[in-house]
Amino acid sequence: MDKKYIERPKKFDKREYDKEYHRNHYKQVTLSLTPDLKERFDQYCSKEKISRSEFIKRAIDVLEEK
């Protein structure tokens, strides 16, 4: 039998796995901010060394505590 026509198991594709994982476990949010608010948002995240999603999570936590 000719070896080049043997069906081989598919190799693990990390890029495809990551893409599928992201598709199943995350949702995207789009928002518009005024330039000055965007600057404040970015500066706060940089100063605290947190991601934008972490900022939103913390903000929701604070608002839910009220």
PDB file of N, CA and C in Angstrom:
ATOM      1  N   MET A   1       0.842  -1.190   0.000  1.00  0.00           N
ATOM      2  CA  MET A   1       0.000   0.000   0.000  1.00  0.00           C
ATOM      3  C   MET A   1       0.883   1.249   0.000  1.00  0.00           C
ATOM      4  N   ASP A   2       0.473   2.249  -0.736  1.00  0.00           N
ATOM      5  CA  ASP A   2       1.252   3.478  -0.859  1.00  0.00           C
ATOM      6  C   ASP A   2       1.105   4.315   0.412  1.00  0.00           C
ATOM      7  N   LYS A   3       2.221   4.614   1.093  1.00  0.00           N
ATOM      8  CA  LYS A   3       2.192   5.296   2.381  1.00  0.00           C
ATOM      9  C   LYS A   3       1.673   6.734   2.302  1.00  0.00           C
ATOM     10  N   LYS A   4       1.839   7.389   1.174  1.00  0.00           N
ATOM     11  CA  LYS A   4       1.402   8.791   1.119  1.00  0.00           C
ATOM     12  C   LYS A   4      -0.114   8.939   1.115  1.00  0.00           C
ATOM     13  N   TYR A   5      -0.857   7.862   0.919  1.00  0.00           N
ATOM     14  CA  TYR A   5      -2.311   7.928   0.934  1.00  0.00           C
ATOM     15  C   TYR A   5      -2.919   7.372   2.208  1.00  0.00           C
ATOM     16  N   ILE A   6      -2.080   7.010   3.154  1.00  0.00           N
ATOM     17  CA  ILE A   6      -2.586   6.520   4.427  1.00  0.00           C
ATOM     18  C   ILE A   6      -3.098   7.722   5.222  1.00  0.00           C
ATOM     19  N   GLU A   7      -4.295   7.573   5.778  1.00  0.00           N
ATOM     20  CA  GLU A   7      -4.860   8.655   6.572  1.00  0.00           C
ATOM     21  C   GLU A   7      -4.156   8.690   7.920  1.00  0.00           C
ATOM     22  N   ARG A   8      -3.556   9.812   8.216  1.00  0.00           N
ATOM     23  CA  ARG A   8      -2.831   9.966   9.466  1.00  0.00           C
ATOM     24  C   ARG A   8      -3.679  10.769  10.442  1.00  0.00           C
ATOM     25  N   PRO A   9      -3.480  10.504  11.722  1.00  0.00           N
ATOM     26  CA  PRO A   9      -4.226  11.299  12.706  1.00  0.00           C
ATOM     27  C   PRO A   9      -3.822  12.770  12.601  1.00  0.00           C
ATOM     28  N   LYS A  10      -4.796  13.622  12.795  1.00  0.00           N
ATOM     29  CA  LYS A  10      -4.544  15.056  12.712  1.00  0.00           C
ATOM     30  C   LYS A  10      -3.660  15.491  13.879  1.00  0.00           C
ATOM     31  N   LYS A  11      -2.665  16.322  13.579  1.00  0.00           N
ATOM     32  CA  LYS A  11      -1.785  16.839  14.621  1.00  0.00           C
ATOM     33  C   LYS A  11      -2.518  17.905  15.418  1.00  0.00           C
ATOM     34  N   PHE A  12      -2.113  18.077  16.670  1.00  0.00           N
ATOM     35  CA  PHE A  12      -2.695  19.090  17.528  1.00  0.00           C
ATOM     36  C   PHE A  12      -2.338  20.478  16.995  1.00  0.00           C
ATOM     37  N   ASP A  13      -3.349  21.316  16.831  1.00  0.00           N
ATOM     38  CA  ASP A  13      -3.158  22.671  16.328  1.00  0.00           C
ATOM     39  C   ASP A  13      -3.518  23.650  17.441  1.00  0.00           C
ATOM     40  N   LYS A  14      -2.505  24.161  18.131  1.00  0.00           N
ATOM     41  CA  LYS A  14      -2.741  25.044  19.276  1.00  0.00           C
ATOM     42  C   LYS A  14      -3.504  26.304  18.884  1.00  0.00           C
ATOM     43  N   ARG A  15      -3.172  26.865  17.755  1.00  0.00           N
ATOM     44  CA  ARG A  15      -3.865  28.080  17.307  1.00  0.00           C
ATOM     45  C   ARG A  15      -5.365  27.818  17.133  1.00  0.00           C
ATOM     46  N   GLU A  16      -5.710  26.712  16.508  1.00  0.00           N
ATOM     47  CA  GLU A  16      -7.115  26.362  16.308  1.00  0.00           C
ATOM     48  C   GLU A  16      -7.792  26.058  17.650  1.00  0.00           C
ATOM     49  N   TYR A  17      -7.086  25.358  18.526  1.00  0.00           N
ATOM     50  CA  TYR A  17      -7.616  25.060  19.858  1.00  0.00           C
ATOM     51  C   TYR A  17      -7.905  26.355  20.618  1.00  0.00           C
ATOM     52  N   ASP A  18      -6.947  27.285  20.625  1.00  0.00           N
ATOM     53  CA  ASP A  18      -7.125  28.562  21.325  1.00  0.00           C
ATOM     54  C   ASP A  18      -8.298  29.348  20.765  1.00  0.00           C
ATOM     55  N   LYS A  19      -8.434  29.344  19.452  1.00  0.00           N
ATOM     56  CA  LYS A  19      -9.531  30.056  18.801  1.00  0.00           C
ATOM     57  C   LYS A  19     -10.884  29.464  19.220  1.00  0.00           C
ATOM     58  N   GLU A  20     -10.967  28.156  19.237  1.00  0.00           N
ATOM     59  CA  GLU A  20     -12.210  27.480  19.628  1.00  0.00           C
ATOM     60  C   GLU A  20     -12.509  27.707  21.112  1.00  0.00           C
ATOM     61  N   TYR A  21     -11.475  27.644  21.943  1.00  0.00           N
ATOM     62  CA  TYR A  21     -11.652  27.891  23.375  1.00  0.00           C
ATOM     63  C   TYR A  21     -12.184  29.300  23.607  1.00  0.00           C
ATOM     64  N   HIS A  22     -11.582  30.262  22.956  1.00  0.00           N
ATOM     65  CA  HIS A  22     -11.992  31.663  23.101  1.00  0.00           C
ATOM     66  C   HIS A  22     -13.438  31.844  22.637  1.00  0.00           C
ATOM     67  N   ARG A  23     -13.786  31.224  21.536  1.00  0.00           N
ATOM     68  CA  ARG A  23     -15.137  31.317  20.995  1.00  0.00           C
ATOM     69  C   ARG A  23     -16.168  30.764  21.983  1.00  0.00           C
ATOM     70  N   ASN A  24     -15.801  29.721  22.707  1.00  0.00           N
ATOM     71  CA  ASN A  24     -16.745  29.074  23.626  1.00  0.00           C
ATOM     72  C   ASN A  24     -16.763  29.651  25.030  1.00  0.00           C
ATOM     73  N   HIS A  25     -15.730  30.369  25.432  1.00  0.00           N
ATOM     74  CA  HIS A  25     -15.630  30.822  26.815  1.00  0.00           C
ATOM     75  C   HIS A  25     -15.624  32.333  27.008  1.00  0.00           C
ATOM     76  N   TYR A  26     -15.609  33.098  25.941  1.00  0.00           N
ATOM     77  CA  TYR A  26     -15.574  34.556  26.058  1.00  0.00           C
ATOM     78  C   TYR A  26     -16.590  35.189  25.117  1.00  0.00           C
ATOM     79  N   LYS A  27     -17.055  36.350  25.500  1.00  0.00           N
ATOM     80  CA  LYS A  27     -17.929  37.161  24.655  1.00  0.00           C
ATOM     81  C   LYS A  27     -17.303  38.541  24.541  1.00  0.00           C
ATOM     82  N   GLN A  28     -17.491  39.166  23.395  1.00  0.00           N
ATOM     83  CA  GLN A  28     -16.873  40.465  23.149  1.00  0.00           C
ATOM     84  C   GLN A  28     -17.870  41.580  23.411  1.00  0.00           C
ATOM     85  N   VAL A  29     -17.365  42.681  23.949  1.00  0.00           N
ATOM     86  CA  VAL A  29     -18.168  43.867  24.220  1.00  0.00           C
ATOM     87  C   VAL A  29     -17.505  45.047  23.515  1.00  0.00           C
ATOM     88  N   THR A  30     -18.296  45.836  22.834  1.00  0.00           N
ATOM     89  CA  THR A  30     -17.787  47.025  22.163  1.00  0.00           C
ATOM     90  C   THR A  30     -18.459  48.248  22.782  1.00  0.00           C
ATOM     91  N   LEU A  31     -17.677  49.283  23.055  1.00  0.00           N
ATOM     92  CA  LEU A  31     -18.259  50.501  23.593  1.00  0.00           C
ATOM     93  C   LEU A  31     -17.537  51.713  23.032  1.00  0.00           C
ATOM     94  N   SER A  32     -18.206  52.833  23.100  1.00  0.00           N
ATOM     95  CA  SER A  32     -17.630  54.092  22.637  1.00  0.00           C
ATOM     96  C   SER A  32     -17.483  55.028  23.829  1.00  0.00           C
ATOM     97  N   LEU A  33     -16.322  55.650  23.920  1.00  0.00           N
ATOM     98  CA  LEU A  33     -16.036  56.584  25.006  1.00  0.00           C
ATOM     99  C   LEU A  33     -15.554  57.897  24.416  1.00  0.00           C
ATOM    100  N   THR A  34     -15.779  58.956  25.162  1.00  0.00           N
ATOM    101  CA  THR A  34     -15.211  60.232  24.742  1.00  0.00           C
ATOM    102  C   THR A  34     -13.701  60.129  24.904  1.00  0.00           C
ATOM    103  N   PRO A  35     -12.951  60.919  24.162  1.00  0.00           N
ATOM    104  CA  PRO A  35     -11.486  60.833  24.259  1.00  0.00           C
ATOM    105  C   PRO A  35     -10.944  61.024  25.677  1.00  0.00           C
ATOM    106  N   ASP A  36     -11.526  61.979  26.422  1.00  0.00           N
ATOM    107  CA  ASP A  36     -11.013  62.201  27.776  1.00  0.00           C
ATOM    108  C   ASP A  36     -11.339  61.032  28.708  1.00  0.00           C
ATOM    109  N   LEU A  37     -12.498  60.412  28.563  1.00  0.00           N
ATOM    110  CA  LEU A  37     -12.846  59.258  29.383  1.00  0.00           C
ATOM    111  C   LEU A  37     -11.984  58.049  29.017  1.00  0.00           C
ATOM    112  N   LYS A  38     -11.711  57.883  27.739  1.00  0.00           N
ATOM    113  CA  LYS A  38     -10.839  56.788  27.292  1.00  0.00           C
ATOM    114  C   LYS A  38      -9.444  56.960  27.876  1.00  0.00           C
ATOM    115  N   GLU A  39      -8.960  58.178  27.891  1.00  0.00           N
ATOM    116  CA  GLU A  39      -7.635  58.457  28.454  1.00  0.00           C
ATOM    117  C   GLU A  39      -7.600  58.141  29.944  1.00  0.00           C
ATOM    118  N   ARG A  40      -8.634  58.534  30.663  1.00  0.00           N
ATOM    119  CA  ARG A  40      -8.710  58.225  32.102  1.00  0.00           C
ATOM    120  C   ARG A  40      -8.754  56.713  32.323  1.00  0.00           C
ATOM    121  N   PHE A  41      -9.539  56.027  31.514  1.00  0.00           N
ATOM    122  CA  PHE A  41      -9.679  54.572  31.587  1.00  0.00           C
ATOM    123  C   PHE A  41      -8.325  53.891  31.378  1.00  0.00           C
ATOM    124  N   ASP A  42      -7.624  54.289  30.310  1.00  0.00           N
ATOM    125  CA  ASP A  42      -6.313  53.712  30.012  1.00  0.00           C
ATOM    126  C   ASP A  42      -5.281  54.031  31.101  1.00  0.00           C
ATOM    127  N   GLN A  43      -5.289  55.268  31.578  1.00  0.00           N
ATOM    128  CA  GLN A  43      -4.340  55.654  32.623  1.00  0.00           C
ATOM    129  C   GLN A  43      -4.571  54.872  33.912  1.00  0.00           C
ATOM    130  N   TYR A  44      -5.829  54.696  34.273  1.00  0.00           N
ATOM    131  CA  TYR A  44      -6.135  53.950  35.493  1.00  0.00           C
ATOM    132  C   TYR A  44      -5.658  52.505  35.366  1.00  0.00           C
ATOM    133  N   CYS A  45      -5.950  51.883  34.242  1.00  0.00           N
ATOM    134  CA  CYS A  45      -5.540  50.493  34.025  1.00  0.00           C
ATOM    135  C   CYS A  45      -4.013  50.365  34.047  1.00  0.00           C
ATOM    136  N   SER A  46      -3.333  51.320  33.443  1.00  0.00           N
ATOM    137  CA  SER A  46      -1.865  51.292  33.441  1.00  0.00           C
ATOM    138  C   SER A  46      -1.308  51.483  34.847  1.00  0.00           C
ATOM    139  N   LYS A  47      -1.855  52.458  35.560  1.00  0.00           N
ATOM    140  CA  LYS A  47      -1.375  52.758  36.907  1.00  0.00           C
ATOM    141  C   LYS A  47      -1.566  51.557  37.835  1.00  0.00           C
ATOM    142  N   GLU A  48      -2.718  50.899  37.745  1.00  0.00           N
ATOM    143  CA  GLU A  48      -3.020  49.750  38.609  1.00  0.00           C
ATOM    144  C   GLU A  48      -2.458  48.439  38.060  1.00  0.00           C
ATOM    145  N   LYS A  49      -1.938  48.491  36.826  1.00  0.00           N
ATOM    146  CA  LYS A  49      -1.397  47.301  36.155  1.00  0.00           C
ATOM    147  C   LYS A  49      -2.451  46.193  36.054  1.00  0.00           C
ATOM    148  N   ILE A  50      -3.635  46.590  35.569  1.00  0.00           N
ATOM    149  CA  ILE A  50      -4.718  45.629  35.375  1.00  0.00           C
ATOM    150  C   ILE A  50      -5.202  45.712  33.928  1.00  0.00           C
ATOM    151  N   SER A  51      -5.861  44.658  33.493  1.00  0.00           N
ATOM    152  CA  SER A  51      -6.438  44.653  32.154  1.00  0.00           C
ATOM    153  C   SER A  51      -7.758  45.429  32.155  1.00  0.00           C
ATOM    154  N   ARG A  52      -8.231  45.738  30.987  1.00  0.00           N
ATOM    155  CA  ARG A  52      -9.511  46.436  30.876  1.00  0.00           C
ATOM    156  C   ARG A  52     -10.647  45.556  31.386  1.00  0.00           C
ATOM    157  N   SER A  53     -10.575  44.266  31.110  1.00  0.00           N
ATOM    158  CA  SER A  53     -11.631  43.368  31.591  1.00  0.00           C
ATOM    159  C   SER A  53     -11.598  43.267  33.119  1.00  0.00           C
ATOM    160  N   GLU A  54     -10.410  43.306  33.711  1.00  0.00           N
ATOM    161  CA  GLU A  54     -10.311  43.299  35.173  1.00  0.00           C
ATOM    162  C   GLU A  54     -10.909  44.573  35.755  1.00  0.00           C
ATOM    163  N   PHE A  55     -10.701  45.709  35.093  1.00  0.00           N
ATOM    164  CA  PHE A  55     -11.299  46.967  35.536  1.00  0.00           C
ATOM    165  C   PHE A  55     -12.823  46.849  35.563  1.00  0.00           C
ATOM    166  N   ILE A  56     -13.391  46.323  34.490  1.00  0.00           N
ATOM    167  CA  ILE A  56     -14.848  46.188  34.402  1.00  0.00           C
ATOM    168  C   ILE A  56     -15.362  45.224  35.461  1.00  0.00           C
ATOM    169  N   LYS A  57     -14.653  44.117  35.678  1.00  0.00           N
ATOM    170  CA  LYS A  57     -15.048  43.158  36.711  1.00  0.00           C
ATOM    171  C   LYS A  57     -15.071  43.833  38.076  1.00  0.00           C
ATOM    172  N   ARG A  58     -14.018  44.594  38.396  1.00  0.00           N
ATOM    173  CA  ARG A  58     -13.955  45.282  39.690  1.00  0.00           C
ATOM    174  C   ARG A  58     -15.073  46.307  39.817  1.00  0.00           C
ATOM    175  N   ALA A  59     -15.354  47.042  38.745  1.00  0.00           N
ATOM    176  CA  ALA A  59     -16.410  48.055  38.770  1.00  0.00           C
ATOM    177  C   ALA A  59     -17.768  47.399  39.039  1.00  0.00           C
ATOM    178  N   ILE A  60     -18.035  46.278  38.403  1.00  0.00           N
ATOM    179  CA  ILE A  60     -19.295  45.556  38.622  1.00  0.00           C
ATOM    180  C   ILE A  60     -19.367  45.065  40.057  1.00  0.00           C
ATOM    181  N   ASP A  61     -18.266  44.525  40.591  1.00  0.00           N
ATOM    182  CA  ASP A  61     -18.235  44.053  41.971  1.00  0.00           C
ATOM    183  C   ASP A  61     -18.570  45.181  42.939  1.00  0.00           C
ATOM    184  N   VAL A  62     -17.982  46.360  42.716  1.00  0.00           N
ATOM    185  CA  VAL A  62     -18.243  47.514  43.583  1.00  0.00           C
ATOM    186  C   VAL A  62     -19.706  47.934  43.496  1.00  0.00           C
ATOM    187  N   LEU A  63     -20.251  47.985  42.284  1.00  0.00           N
ATOM    188  CA  LEU A  63     -21.641  48.402  42.110  1.00  0.00           C
ATOM    189  C   LEU A  63     -22.617  47.389  42.710  1.00  0.00           C
ATOM    190  N   GLU A  64     -22.298  46.126  42.664  1.00  0.00           N
ATOM    191  CA  GLU A  64     -23.182  45.107  43.228  1.00  0.00           C
ATOM    192  C   GLU A  64     -23.168  45.121  44.764  1.00  0.00           C
ATOM    193  N   GLU A  65     -22.102  45.626  45.351  1.00  0.00           N
ATOM    194  CA  GLU A  65     -22.016  45.690  46.815  1.00  0.00           C
ATOM    195  C   GLU A  65     -22.959  46.741  47.392  1.00  0.00           C
ATOM    196  N   LYS A  66     -23.373  47.715  46.612  1.00  0.00           N
ATOM    197  CA  LYS A  66     -24.231  48.799  47.101  1.00  0.00           C
ATOM    198  C   LYS A  66     -25.608  48.276  47.481  1.00  0.00           C
TER     199      LYS A  66
END
